[in-house]
Amino acid sequence: MAITGNRHTSWAFADAYGVPDIGTAAGEALLWARDRSREAGVTSVSPGCGDALRLLTATADAKAVVEIGTGTGVSGLYLLLGMRPDGVLTTMDTEPERQQFAREAFRAAGFAGNRARLIPGRALDVLPRLTDGGYDLVFCDGDREEYLDYLGEAVRLLRPGGLLCFAGVFAGGDTVDSSAQTSTVLTLRELLRTLRESDRLTPALLPVGDGLLCATCR
């Protein structure tokens, strides 16, 4: 199917839709966290990707969520906005200074300190310490080359019916470019195949941001 200019315009409109009002505490916190992300050279989720995460989290009535890749708190804010009022976000990152920005952003948005558990360290070191079947949603936005390893841990962590999301699976278009053969792209292609062929996961690839691959765990 041909991709027309109008389709690109529509996708851009959809990806910018639904951002919280700038005048709200959450909206101001998101703007602040995005500014910190740009200063740190970190790519944060787009507004459209954030909206999708908030929707999925709310649909799952999520109380316990795992996030791989705290960054400066942009995606964490969307997750917290969709979670139950008594929910707890467990988020991990290898850069503690970025997590401090995230902590400030969560506080500015009005979330109590006990709503987020920020753990410094590599995801593959932290994830094995988390409880089997204890989480409603796992969001992965860490090292793309570790995504297949995250998959195994995430399936273990999710309750039946839980949701799994991977950000950035388009890799700026390289994933569908046959000439691109980097290790990251090969990992992402294998991830896409694995989820599509899994008997335990029901996947969908959402064209928001740089691609959001989602699946529910049976």
N, C-alpha and C. Protein backbone atom coordinates (compact mmCIF):
# COMPACT_ATOMS: atom_id res chain seq x y z
N MET A 1 0.84 -1.19 0.00
CA MET A 1 0.00 0.00 0.00
C MET A 1 0.89 1.25 0.00
N ALA A 2 0.57 2.20 -0.87
CA ALA A 2 1.36 3.43 -0.96
C ALA A 2 1.10 4.31 0.25
N ILE A 3 2.16 4.95 0.75
CA ILE A 3 2.03 5.89 1.86
C ILE A 3 1.97 7.29 1.26
N THR A 4 0.86 7.95 1.36
CA THR A 4 0.68 9.26 0.75
C THR A 4 1.07 10.37 1.70
N GLY A 5 1.21 11.58 1.15
CA GLY A 5 1.50 12.73 1.99
C GLY A 5 0.41 12.98 3.01
N ASN A 6 -0.85 12.76 2.59
CA ASN A 6 -1.96 12.95 3.52
C ASN A 6 -1.88 11.97 4.69
N ARG A 7 -1.43 10.77 4.40
CA ARG A 7 -1.30 9.77 5.48
C ARG A 7 -0.22 10.21 6.47
N HIS A 8 0.90 10.72 5.98
CA HIS A 8 1.93 11.23 6.88
C HIS A 8 1.41 12.37 7.73
N THR A 9 0.63 13.26 7.12
CA THR A 9 0.05 14.38 7.87
C THR A 9 -0.90 13.87 8.94
N SER A 10 -1.69 12.86 8.59
CA SER A 10 -2.63 12.29 9.56
C SER A 10 -1.90 11.63 10.72
N TRP A 11 -0.80 10.90 10.40
CA TRP A 11 -0.03 10.27 11.46
C TRP A 11 0.58 11.33 12.40
N ALA A 12 1.08 12.41 11.81
CA ALA A 12 1.66 13.48 12.62
C ALA A 12 0.59 14.10 13.52
N PHE A 13 -0.60 14.29 12.98
CA PHE A 13 -1.70 14.84 13.78
C PHE A 13 -2.06 13.90 14.93
N ALA A 14 -2.16 12.60 14.61
CA ALA A 14 -2.51 11.62 15.63
C ALA A 14 -1.45 11.55 16.72
N ASP A 15 -0.17 11.68 16.33
CA ASP A 15 0.90 11.56 17.31
C ASP A 15 0.96 12.76 18.25
N ALA A 16 0.36 13.87 17.83
CA ALA A 16 0.35 15.07 18.69
C ALA A 16 -0.96 15.23 19.44
N TYR A 17 -1.90 14.33 19.21
CA TYR A 17 -3.23 14.45 19.79
C TYR A 17 -3.25 14.04 21.27
N GLY A 18 -4.07 14.72 22.05
CA GLY A 18 -4.35 14.28 23.40
C GLY A 18 -3.34 14.66 24.46
N VAL A 19 -2.41 15.55 24.16
CA VAL A 19 -1.42 15.97 25.16
C VAL A 19 -2.14 16.72 26.28
N PRO A 20 -1.86 16.45 27.55
CA PRO A 20 -2.52 17.17 28.63
C PRO A 20 -2.35 18.68 28.49
N ASP A 21 -3.36 19.42 28.92
CA ASP A 21 -3.31 20.88 28.84
C ASP A 21 -2.07 21.42 29.52
N ILE A 22 -1.45 22.41 28.88
CA ILE A 22 -0.22 22.99 29.44
C ILE A 22 -0.47 23.58 30.82
N GLY A 23 -1.69 24.03 31.05
CA GLY A 23 -1.99 24.65 32.33
C GLY A 23 -2.14 23.69 33.49
N THR A 24 -2.19 22.38 33.22
CA THR A 24 -2.33 21.42 34.30
C THR A 24 -0.97 21.06 34.88
N ALA A 25 -0.98 20.55 36.10
CA ALA A 25 0.28 20.15 36.74
C ALA A 25 0.96 19.05 35.94
N ALA A 26 0.16 18.08 35.45
CA ALA A 26 0.75 16.98 34.68
C ALA A 26 1.33 17.48 33.37
N GLY A 27 0.60 18.40 32.71
CA GLY A 27 1.09 18.95 31.45
C GLY A 27 2.38 19.72 31.63
N GLU A 28 2.45 20.53 32.67
CA GLU A 28 3.67 21.30 32.95
C GLU A 28 4.83 20.36 33.29
N ALA A 29 4.52 19.31 34.04
CA ALA A 29 5.57 18.35 34.41
C ALA A 29 6.10 17.62 33.17
N LEU A 30 5.20 17.30 32.24
CA LEU A 30 5.63 16.65 31.00
C LEU A 30 6.54 17.56 30.18
N LEU A 31 6.16 18.82 30.06
CA LEU A 31 6.99 19.77 29.32
C LEU A 31 8.36 19.90 29.97
N TRP A 32 8.39 19.98 31.29
CA TRP A 32 9.66 20.10 32.02
C TRP A 32 10.52 18.86 31.82
N ALA A 33 9.89 17.68 31.93
CA ALA A 33 10.65 16.43 31.76
C ALA A 33 11.17 16.29 30.33
N ARG A 34 10.39 16.72 29.35
CA ARG A 34 10.87 16.67 27.97
C ARG A 34 12.06 17.61 27.76
N ASP A 35 12.02 18.77 28.39
CA ASP A 35 13.15 19.69 28.29
C ASP A 35 14.41 19.06 28.88
N ARG A 36 14.27 18.42 30.05
CA ARG A 36 15.42 17.76 30.67
C ARG A 36 15.93 16.63 29.78
N SER A 37 15.01 15.94 29.12
CA SER A 37 15.40 14.84 28.23
C SER A 37 16.22 15.35 27.06
N ARG A 38 15.78 16.44 26.46
CA ARG A 38 16.53 17.01 25.33
C ARG A 38 17.92 17.47 25.78
N GLU A 39 17.99 18.09 26.95
CA GLU A 39 19.28 18.55 27.47
C GLU A 39 20.23 17.38 27.71
N ALA A 40 19.68 16.24 28.12
CA ALA A 40 20.49 15.06 28.41
C ALA A 40 20.79 14.24 27.17
N GLY A 41 20.21 14.63 26.03
CA GLY A 41 20.41 13.86 24.81
C GLY A 41 19.68 12.54 24.80
N VAL A 42 18.57 12.47 25.54
CA VAL A 42 17.78 11.25 25.64
C VAL A 42 16.52 11.40 24.79
N THR A 43 16.18 10.38 24.01
CA THR A 43 14.96 10.41 23.23
C THR A 43 13.81 9.91 24.09
N SER A 44 12.83 10.77 24.31
CA SER A 44 11.67 10.37 25.11
C SER A 44 10.53 9.95 24.19
N VAL A 45 9.54 9.28 24.74
CA VAL A 45 8.39 8.84 23.93
C VAL A 45 7.65 10.06 23.41
N SER A 46 7.09 9.94 22.22
CA SER A 46 6.31 11.02 21.62
C SER A 46 4.99 11.17 22.36
N PRO A 47 4.30 12.30 22.19
CA PRO A 47 2.98 12.44 22.81
C PRO A 47 2.01 11.33 22.41
N GLY A 48 2.03 10.93 21.13
CA GLY A 48 1.14 9.86 20.70
C GLY A 48 1.47 8.53 21.35
N CYS A 49 2.74 8.23 21.48
CA CYS A 49 3.15 7.00 22.16
C CYS A 49 2.77 7.08 23.64
N GLY A 50 2.97 8.24 24.24
CA GLY A 50 2.58 8.42 25.63
C GLY A 50 1.10 8.23 25.83
N ASP A 51 0.30 8.80 24.93
CA ASP A 51 -1.15 8.62 25.02
C ASP A 51 -1.53 7.14 24.95
N ALA A 52 -0.88 6.41 24.05
CA ALA A 52 -1.16 4.98 23.93
C ALA A 52 -0.82 4.25 25.22
N LEU A 53 0.32 4.59 25.82
CA LEU A 53 0.70 3.96 27.09
C LEU A 53 -0.30 4.27 28.19
N ARG A 54 -0.74 5.52 28.25
CA ARG A 54 -1.72 5.91 29.27
C ARG A 54 -3.02 5.14 29.06
N LEU A 55 -3.46 5.03 27.81
CA LEU A 55 -4.70 4.30 27.51
C LEU A 55 -4.58 2.83 27.88
N LEU A 56 -3.48 2.20 27.48
CA LEU A 56 -3.30 0.78 27.77
C LEU A 56 -3.23 0.53 29.27
N THR A 57 -2.56 1.41 29.97
CA THR A 57 -2.44 1.25 31.42
C THR A 57 -3.79 1.40 32.10
N ALA A 58 -4.58 2.38 31.63
CA ALA A 58 -5.91 2.58 32.20
C ALA A 58 -6.83 1.42 31.86
N THR A 59 -6.74 0.91 30.64
CA THR A 59 -7.58 -0.21 30.22
C THR A 59 -7.29 -1.45 31.05
N ALA A 60 -6.02 -1.63 31.39
CA ALA A 60 -5.63 -2.78 32.21
C ALA A 60 -5.95 -2.57 33.69
N ASP A 61 -6.44 -1.36 34.04
CA ASP A 61 -6.69 -1.02 35.45
C ASP A 61 -5.45 -1.35 36.28
N ALA A 62 -4.30 -0.93 35.74
CA ALA A 62 -3.02 -1.37 36.29
C ALA A 62 -2.73 -0.79 37.66
N LYS A 63 -2.32 -1.67 38.55
CA LYS A 63 -1.88 -1.28 39.89
C LYS A 63 -0.37 -1.43 40.04
N ALA A 64 0.23 -2.34 39.30
CA ALA A 64 1.67 -2.58 39.38
C ALA A 64 2.24 -2.58 37.97
N VAL A 65 3.15 -1.66 37.69
CA VAL A 65 3.73 -1.49 36.37
C VAL A 65 5.25 -1.46 36.49
N VAL A 66 5.93 -2.11 35.54
CA VAL A 66 7.38 -2.07 35.45
C VAL A 66 7.77 -1.26 34.22
N GLU A 67 8.73 -0.36 34.40
CA GLU A 67 9.26 0.41 33.28
C GLU A 67 10.77 0.20 33.20
N ILE A 68 11.23 -0.21 32.02
CA ILE A 68 12.66 -0.35 31.78
C ILE A 68 13.12 0.87 31.00
N GLY A 69 13.89 1.74 31.65
CA GLY A 69 14.34 2.97 31.03
C GLY A 69 13.58 4.17 31.56
N THR A 70 13.97 4.64 32.75
CA THR A 70 13.27 5.77 33.38
C THR A 70 13.44 7.04 32.57
N GLY A 71 14.67 7.25 32.06
CA GLY A 71 14.95 8.53 31.41
C GLY A 71 14.74 9.66 32.39
N THR A 72 14.11 10.73 31.94
CA THR A 72 13.83 11.87 32.82
C THR A 72 12.38 11.88 33.29
N GLY A 73 11.67 10.78 33.04
CA GLY A 73 10.33 10.64 33.60
C GLY A 73 9.17 10.88 32.66
N VAL A 74 9.43 11.09 31.37
CA VAL A 74 8.34 11.38 30.45
C VAL A 74 7.37 10.20 30.35
N SER A 75 7.87 9.04 29.98
CA SER A 75 6.99 7.88 29.85
C SER A 75 6.39 7.48 31.20
N GLY A 76 7.17 7.64 32.26
CA GLY A 76 6.66 7.32 33.59
C GLY A 76 5.46 8.16 33.95
N LEU A 77 5.45 9.42 33.55
CA LEU A 77 4.30 10.28 33.82
C LEU A 77 3.05 9.75 33.12
N TYR A 78 3.19 9.37 31.86
CA TYR A 78 2.04 8.82 31.14
C TYR A 78 1.53 7.55 31.81
N LEU A 79 2.45 6.69 32.23
CA LEU A 79 2.06 5.46 32.90
C LEU A 79 1.33 5.75 34.21
N LEU A 80 1.86 6.66 35.00
CA LEU A 80 1.23 7.02 36.26
C LEU A 80 -0.15 7.64 36.04
N LEU A 81 -0.29 8.43 34.99
CA LEU A 81 -1.59 9.04 34.69
C LEU A 81 -2.65 8.00 34.36
N GLY A 82 -2.23 6.87 33.81
CA GLY A 82 -3.20 5.83 33.47
C GLY A 82 -3.44 4.81 34.57
N MET A 83 -2.56 4.76 35.55
CA MET A 83 -2.66 3.75 36.60
C MET A 83 -3.73 4.08 37.63
N ARG A 84 -4.10 3.07 38.40
CA ARG A 84 -5.02 3.27 39.51
C ARG A 84 -4.40 4.23 40.53
N PRO A 85 -5.23 4.94 41.30
CA PRO A 85 -4.70 5.89 42.28
C PRO A 85 -3.79 5.27 43.33
N ASP A 86 -3.95 3.97 43.57
CA ASP A 86 -3.10 3.29 44.55
C ASP A 86 -1.99 2.49 43.88
N GLY A 87 -1.79 2.70 42.57
CA GLY A 87 -0.80 1.94 41.83
C GLY A 87 0.63 2.40 42.09
N VAL A 88 1.57 1.49 41.85
CA VAL A 88 3.00 1.78 42.04
C VAL A 88 3.75 1.46 40.76
N LEU A 89 4.54 2.42 40.31
CA LEU A 89 5.40 2.25 39.15
C LEU A 89 6.80 1.88 39.63
N THR A 90 7.31 0.75 39.15
CA THR A 90 8.68 0.34 39.41
C THR A 90 9.48 0.62 38.15
N THR A 91 10.44 1.56 38.25
CA THR A 91 11.16 1.99 37.06
C THR A 91 12.65 1.95 37.29
N MET A 92 13.39 1.52 36.28
CA MET A 92 14.83 1.32 36.44
C MET A 92 15.60 1.99 35.31
N ASP A 93 16.83 2.40 35.63
CA ASP A 93 17.67 3.08 34.65
C ASP A 93 19.12 3.00 35.12
N THR A 94 20.03 3.03 34.17
CA THR A 94 21.46 2.97 34.51
C THR A 94 22.02 4.33 34.89
N GLU A 95 21.22 5.41 34.74
CA GLU A 95 21.68 6.76 35.02
C GLU A 95 20.89 7.37 36.18
N PRO A 96 21.39 7.28 37.41
CA PRO A 96 20.65 7.78 38.58
C PRO A 96 20.34 9.27 38.50
N GLU A 97 21.21 10.06 37.85
CA GLU A 97 20.95 11.50 37.78
C GLU A 97 19.70 11.79 36.95
N ARG A 98 19.46 10.99 35.93
CA ARG A 98 18.23 11.16 35.16
C ARG A 98 17.02 10.76 36.00
N GLN A 99 17.19 9.76 36.81
CA GLN A 99 16.08 9.35 37.68
C GLN A 99 15.72 10.45 38.67
N GLN A 100 16.69 11.27 39.06
CA GLN A 100 16.38 12.37 39.94
C GLN A 100 15.46 13.38 39.24
N PHE A 101 15.70 13.61 37.96
CA PHE A 101 14.79 14.47 37.19
C PHE A 101 13.40 13.86 37.16
N ALA A 102 13.33 12.54 36.96
CA ALA A 102 12.04 11.87 36.93
C ALA A 102 11.32 12.01 38.26
N ARG A 103 12.05 11.86 39.34
CA ARG A 103 11.44 12.00 40.67
C ARG A 103 10.84 13.40 40.84
N GLU A 104 11.57 14.41 40.38
CA GLU A 104 11.07 15.77 40.47
C GLU A 104 9.85 15.97 39.59
N ALA A 105 9.85 15.37 38.41
CA ALA A 105 8.71 15.49 37.51
C ALA A 105 7.47 14.82 38.10
N PHE A 106 7.63 13.65 38.68
CA PHE A 106 6.49 12.96 39.30
C PHE A 106 5.91 13.80 40.44
N ARG A 107 6.78 14.38 41.23
CA ARG A 107 6.33 15.21 42.35
C ARG A 107 5.59 16.45 41.84
N ALA A 108 6.14 17.08 40.78
CA ALA A 108 5.52 18.28 40.23
C ALA A 108 4.14 17.98 39.65
N ALA A 109 3.95 16.76 39.14
CA ALA A 109 2.66 16.37 38.58
C ALA A 109 1.64 16.03 39.65
N GLY A 110 2.07 15.98 40.90
CA GLY A 110 1.15 15.73 42.01
C GLY A 110 1.12 14.31 42.52
N PHE A 111 2.06 13.48 42.08
CA PHE A 111 2.09 12.09 42.54
C PHE A 111 2.90 11.98 43.83
N ALA A 112 2.36 11.27 44.79
CA ALA A 112 3.04 11.06 46.07
C ALA A 112 4.31 10.24 45.83
N GLY A 113 5.28 10.42 46.73
CA GLY A 113 6.56 9.75 46.60
C GLY A 113 6.46 8.24 46.56
N ASN A 114 5.44 7.68 47.23
CA ASN A 114 5.33 6.22 47.28
C ASN A 114 4.67 5.63 46.03
N ARG A 115 4.33 6.49 45.05
CA ARG A 115 3.72 5.99 43.82
C ARG A 115 4.76 5.47 42.83
N ALA A 116 6.03 5.79 43.06
CA ALA A 116 7.07 5.35 42.13
C ALA A 116 8.27 4.82 42.89
N ARG A 117 8.74 3.66 42.48
CA ARG A 117 9.94 3.04 43.05
C ARG A 117 11.03 3.11 41.98
N LEU A 118 11.99 3.99 42.18
CA LEU A 118 13.05 4.22 41.18
C LEU A 118 14.29 3.43 41.59
N ILE A 119 14.71 2.50 40.72
CA ILE A 119 15.82 1.61 41.02
C ILE A 119 16.95 1.87 40.04
N PRO A 120 18.13 2.27 40.51
CA PRO A 120 19.26 2.44 39.60
C PRO A 120 19.89 1.09 39.28
N GLY A 121 20.33 0.92 38.04
CA GLY A 121 20.99 -0.32 37.67
C GLY A 121 20.55 -0.83 36.32
N ARG A 122 21.28 -1.83 35.81
CA ARG A 122 20.93 -2.46 34.54
C ARG A 122 19.66 -3.28 34.70
N ALA A 123 18.81 -3.19 33.71
CA ALA A 123 17.53 -3.88 33.77
C ALA A 123 17.71 -5.38 33.99
N LEU A 124 18.69 -5.98 33.31
CA LEU A 124 18.86 -7.42 33.40
C LEU A 124 19.40 -7.85 34.76
N ASP A 125 19.90 -6.90 35.54
CA ASP A 125 20.29 -7.19 36.92
C ASP A 125 19.12 -7.00 37.88
N VAL A 126 18.24 -6.06 37.56
CA VAL A 126 17.12 -5.72 38.45
C VAL A 126 15.93 -6.64 38.24
N LEU A 127 15.59 -6.93 37.00
CA LEU A 127 14.37 -7.69 36.69
C LEU A 127 14.29 -9.04 37.40
N PRO A 128 15.38 -9.82 37.49
CA PRO A 128 15.27 -11.12 38.17
C PRO A 128 14.87 -11.01 39.63
N ARG A 129 14.99 -9.84 40.23
CA ARG A 129 14.63 -9.66 41.63
C ARG A 129 13.15 -9.35 41.83
N LEU A 130 12.42 -9.13 40.74
CA LEU A 130 11.01 -8.78 40.83
C LEU A 130 10.14 -10.03 40.85
N THR A 131 8.92 -9.89 41.37
CA THR A 131 8.04 -11.02 41.66
C THR A 131 7.38 -11.60 40.42
N ASP A 132 7.43 -12.92 40.29
CA ASP A 132 6.76 -13.61 39.20
C ASP A 132 5.26 -13.31 39.21
N GLY A 133 4.69 -12.99 38.04
CA GLY A 133 3.26 -12.80 37.92
C GLY A 133 2.70 -11.66 38.73
N GLY A 134 3.55 -10.73 39.14
CA GLY A 134 3.09 -9.67 40.04
C GLY A 134 2.76 -8.35 39.38
N TYR A 135 2.77 -8.29 38.05
CA TYR A 135 2.63 -6.99 37.38
C TYR A 135 1.58 -7.02 36.28
N ASP A 136 0.95 -5.88 36.10
CA ASP A 136 -0.12 -5.74 35.10
C ASP A 136 0.41 -5.30 33.74
N LEU A 137 1.51 -4.59 33.73
CA LEU A 137 2.07 -4.07 32.48
C LEU A 137 3.58 -3.91 32.63
N VAL A 138 4.30 -4.25 31.58
CA VAL A 138 5.75 -4.03 31.52
C VAL A 138 6.03 -3.21 30.27
N PHE A 139 6.68 -2.06 30.46
CA PHE A 139 7.03 -1.18 29.35
C PHE A 139 8.54 -1.16 29.19
N CYS A 140 9.01 -1.49 27.99
CA CYS A 140 10.44 -1.59 27.71
C CYS A 140 10.89 -0.45 26.81
N ASP A 141 11.80 0.37 27.31
CA ASP A 141 12.36 1.47 26.53
C ASP A 141 13.84 1.62 26.90
N GLY A 142 14.52 0.48 26.99
CA GLY A 142 15.92 0.47 27.36
C GLY A 142 16.81 0.18 26.16
N ASP A 143 17.85 -0.59 26.39
CA ASP A 143 18.80 -0.96 25.35
C ASP A 143 18.12 -1.87 24.33
N ARG A 144 17.98 -1.41 23.08
CA ARG A 144 17.28 -2.18 22.06
C ARG A 144 17.92 -3.55 21.83
N GLU A 145 19.22 -3.65 22.01
CA GLU A 145 19.90 -4.93 21.79
C GLU A 145 19.60 -5.93 22.89
N GLU A 146 18.99 -5.49 23.98
CA GLU A 146 18.62 -6.39 25.07
C GLU A 146 17.13 -6.73 25.07
N TYR A 147 16.41 -6.28 24.03
CA TYR A 147 14.96 -6.46 24.02
C TYR A 147 14.53 -7.93 24.11
N LEU A 148 15.24 -8.82 23.44
CA LEU A 148 14.87 -10.24 23.51
C LEU A 148 15.06 -10.78 24.93
N ASP A 149 16.07 -10.29 25.63
CA ASP A 149 16.28 -10.69 27.02
C ASP A 149 15.19 -10.11 27.91
N TYR A 150 14.79 -8.87 27.64
CA TYR A 150 13.68 -8.27 28.40
C TYR A 150 12.41 -9.09 28.21
N LEU A 151 12.20 -9.59 27.01
CA LEU A 151 10.98 -10.33 26.72
C LEU A 151 10.80 -11.51 27.67
N GLY A 152 11.85 -12.29 27.82
CA GLY A 152 11.75 -13.44 28.71
C GLY A 152 11.42 -13.06 30.13
N GLU A 153 12.05 -12.01 30.63
CA GLU A 153 11.79 -11.54 31.99
C GLU A 153 10.37 -10.98 32.11
N ALA A 154 9.95 -10.23 31.09
CA ALA A 154 8.64 -9.59 31.15
C ALA A 154 7.51 -10.62 31.19
N VAL A 155 7.62 -11.66 30.38
CA VAL A 155 6.59 -12.70 30.38
C VAL A 155 6.50 -13.35 31.75
N ARG A 156 7.63 -13.53 32.39
CA ARG A 156 7.64 -14.10 33.74
C ARG A 156 6.95 -13.18 34.74
N LEU A 157 7.14 -11.87 34.59
CA LEU A 157 6.63 -10.91 35.55
C LEU A 157 5.13 -10.66 35.41
N LEU A 158 4.59 -10.84 34.20
CA LEU A 158 3.20 -10.45 33.94
C LEU A 158 2.20 -11.48 34.47
N ARG A 159 1.11 -10.96 34.98
CA ARG A 159 -0.03 -11.81 35.32
C ARG A 159 -0.73 -12.23 34.02
N PRO A 160 -1.55 -13.28 34.06
CA PRO A 160 -2.33 -13.62 32.86
C PRO A 160 -3.20 -12.43 32.45
N GLY A 161 -3.15 -12.09 31.18
CA GLY A 161 -3.89 -10.93 30.71
C GLY A 161 -3.10 -9.64 30.79
N GLY A 162 -1.88 -9.71 31.34
CA GLY A 162 -1.05 -8.52 31.45
C GLY A 162 -0.54 -8.06 30.10
N LEU A 163 -0.06 -6.83 30.06
CA LEU A 163 0.36 -6.21 28.81
C LEU A 163 1.86 -5.97 28.78
N LEU A 164 2.42 -6.13 27.59
CA LEU A 164 3.84 -5.94 27.35
C LEU A 164 4.00 -4.94 26.21
N CYS A 165 4.86 -3.92 26.39
CA CYS A 165 5.04 -2.89 25.36
C CYS A 165 6.53 -2.63 25.15
N PHE A 166 6.92 -2.54 23.88
CA PHE A 166 8.30 -2.22 23.50
C PHE A 166 8.27 -0.95 22.66
N ALA A 167 9.04 0.05 23.06
CA ALA A 167 9.11 1.31 22.32
C ALA A 167 10.25 1.26 21.30
N GLY A 168 10.11 2.07 20.24
CA GLY A 168 11.20 2.28 19.30
C GLY A 168 11.49 1.15 18.35
N VAL A 169 10.49 0.30 18.06
CA VAL A 169 10.78 -0.88 17.24
C VAL A 169 10.91 -0.54 15.75
N PHE A 170 10.55 0.66 15.33
CA PHE A 170 10.78 1.05 13.93
C PHE A 170 12.24 1.43 13.70
N ALA A 171 12.95 1.81 14.76
CA ALA A 171 14.36 2.21 14.66
C ALA A 171 14.56 3.27 13.58
N GLY A 172 13.68 4.27 13.58
CA GLY A 172 13.80 5.34 12.61
C GLY A 172 13.59 4.90 11.17
N GLY A 173 12.90 3.78 10.99
CA GLY A 173 12.65 3.24 9.65
C GLY A 173 13.59 2.13 9.25
N ASP A 174 14.66 1.90 10.02
CA ASP A 174 15.64 0.88 9.64
C ASP A 174 15.09 -0.54 9.73
N THR A 175 14.13 -0.76 10.60
CA THR A 175 13.61 -2.12 10.78
C THR A 175 12.97 -2.66 9.50
N VAL A 176 12.38 -1.77 8.71
CA VAL A 176 11.75 -2.21 7.47
C VAL A 176 12.61 -1.94 6.24
N ASP A 177 13.83 -1.47 6.46
CA ASP A 177 14.77 -1.21 5.37
C ASP A 177 15.65 -2.44 5.20
N SER A 178 15.49 -3.14 4.09
CA SER A 178 16.20 -4.40 3.89
C SER A 178 17.72 -4.24 3.87
N SER A 179 18.20 -3.03 3.59
CA SER A 179 19.65 -2.81 3.55
C SER A 179 20.25 -2.62 4.93
N ALA A 180 19.41 -2.35 5.93
CA ALA A 180 19.90 -2.14 7.30
C ALA A 180 20.10 -3.48 7.98
N GLN A 181 21.32 -3.75 8.44
CA GLN A 181 21.65 -5.05 9.02
C GLN A 181 22.42 -4.90 10.33
N THR A 182 22.23 -3.82 11.06
CA THR A 182 22.93 -3.64 12.32
C THR A 182 22.42 -4.65 13.35
N SER A 183 23.19 -4.85 14.40
CA SER A 183 22.78 -5.80 15.43
C SER A 183 21.48 -5.36 16.10
N THR A 184 21.29 -4.05 16.25
CA THR A 184 20.05 -3.55 16.85
C THR A 184 18.86 -3.88 15.97
N VAL A 185 18.98 -3.61 14.69
CA VAL A 185 17.89 -3.89 13.76
C VAL A 185 17.58 -5.38 13.69
N LEU A 186 18.60 -6.21 13.67
CA LEU A 186 18.39 -7.65 13.63
C LEU A 186 17.67 -8.13 14.89
N THR A 187 18.01 -7.54 16.03
CA THR A 187 17.33 -7.89 17.28
C THR A 187 15.87 -7.49 17.23
N LEU A 188 15.58 -6.30 16.72
CA LEU A 188 14.20 -5.84 16.64
C LEU A 188 13.38 -6.71 15.69
N ARG A 189 13.97 -7.11 14.57
CA ARG A 189 13.26 -7.98 13.64
C ARG A 189 12.96 -9.33 14.28
N GLU A 190 13.92 -9.85 15.03
CA GLU A 190 13.70 -11.12 15.71
C GLU A 190 12.63 -10.99 16.78
N LEU A 191 12.60 -9.85 17.47
CA LEU A 191 11.56 -9.60 18.47
C LEU A 191 10.18 -9.60 17.81
N LEU A 192 10.06 -8.91 16.69
CA LEU A 192 8.78 -8.86 15.97
C LEU A 192 8.34 -10.26 15.56
N ARG A 193 9.26 -11.06 15.04
CA ARG A 193 8.93 -12.43 14.64
C ARG A 193 8.52 -13.27 15.85
N THR A 194 9.26 -13.13 16.93
CA THR A 194 9.00 -13.94 18.12
C THR A 194 7.61 -13.68 18.67
N LEU A 195 7.23 -12.42 18.78
CA LEU A 195 5.91 -12.10 19.31
C LEU A 195 4.81 -12.56 18.37
N ARG A 196 5.03 -12.40 17.07
CA ARG A 196 3.99 -12.79 16.10
C ARG A 196 3.78 -14.30 16.09
N GLU A 197 4.84 -15.06 16.34
CA GLU A 197 4.74 -16.53 16.28
C GLU A 197 4.48 -17.18 17.63
N SER A 198 4.42 -16.38 18.69
CA SER A 198 4.25 -16.93 20.03
C SER A 198 2.83 -17.49 20.25
N ASP A 199 2.75 -18.61 20.92
CA ASP A 199 1.45 -19.18 21.30
C ASP A 199 0.92 -18.54 22.57
N ARG A 200 1.77 -17.83 23.28
CA ARG A 200 1.37 -17.28 24.57
C ARG A 200 1.04 -15.79 24.50
N LEU A 201 1.49 -15.13 23.45
CA LEU A 201 1.31 -13.68 23.35
C LEU A 201 0.44 -13.33 22.15
N THR A 202 -0.42 -12.32 22.32
CA THR A 202 -1.24 -11.79 21.24
C THR A 202 -0.76 -10.38 20.95
N PRO A 203 -0.01 -10.16 19.83
CA PRO A 203 0.65 -8.88 19.61
C PRO A 203 -0.11 -7.94 18.68
N ALA A 204 0.28 -6.67 18.75
CA ALA A 204 -0.15 -5.65 17.79
C ALA A 204 0.96 -4.62 17.71
N LEU A 205 1.25 -4.15 16.50
CA LEU A 205 2.27 -3.13 16.28
C LEU A 205 1.57 -1.82 16.00
N LEU A 206 1.74 -0.86 16.90
CA LEU A 206 1.06 0.43 16.79
C LEU A 206 1.98 1.47 16.16
N PRO A 207 1.52 2.17 15.12
CA PRO A 207 2.36 3.17 14.45
C PRO A 207 2.33 4.51 15.15
N VAL A 208 2.74 4.53 16.41
CA VAL A 208 2.85 5.76 17.17
C VAL A 208 4.30 5.97 17.56
N GLY A 209 4.73 7.23 17.60
CA GLY A 209 6.12 7.50 17.90
C GLY A 209 7.02 6.78 16.92
N ASP A 210 8.02 6.07 17.45
CA ASP A 210 8.94 5.30 16.61
C ASP A 210 8.56 3.83 16.61
N GLY A 211 7.25 3.57 16.77
CA GLY A 211 6.75 2.20 16.76
C GLY A 211 6.61 1.64 18.16
N LEU A 212 5.40 1.23 18.52
CA LEU A 212 5.13 0.66 19.84
C LEU A 212 4.58 -0.74 19.63
N LEU A 213 5.38 -1.74 19.95
CA LEU A 213 4.99 -3.14 19.83
C LEU A 213 4.37 -3.60 21.14
N CYS A 214 3.13 -4.05 21.09
CA CYS A 214 2.39 -4.43 22.30
C CYS A 214 1.92 -5.88 22.19
N ALA A 215 1.71 -6.49 23.34
CA ALA A 215 1.16 -7.84 23.36
C ALA A 215 0.49 -8.08 24.69
N THR A 216 -0.54 -8.91 24.67
CA THR A 216 -1.14 -9.35 25.92
C THR A 216 -0.71 -10.79 26.17
N CYS A 217 -0.49 -11.07 27.44
CA CYS A 217 0.01 -12.38 27.85
C CYS A 217 -1.16 -13.28 28.25
N ARG A 218 -1.32 -14.40 27.56
CA ARG A 218 -2.45 -15.30 27.82
C ARG A 218 -2.25 -16.07 29.12
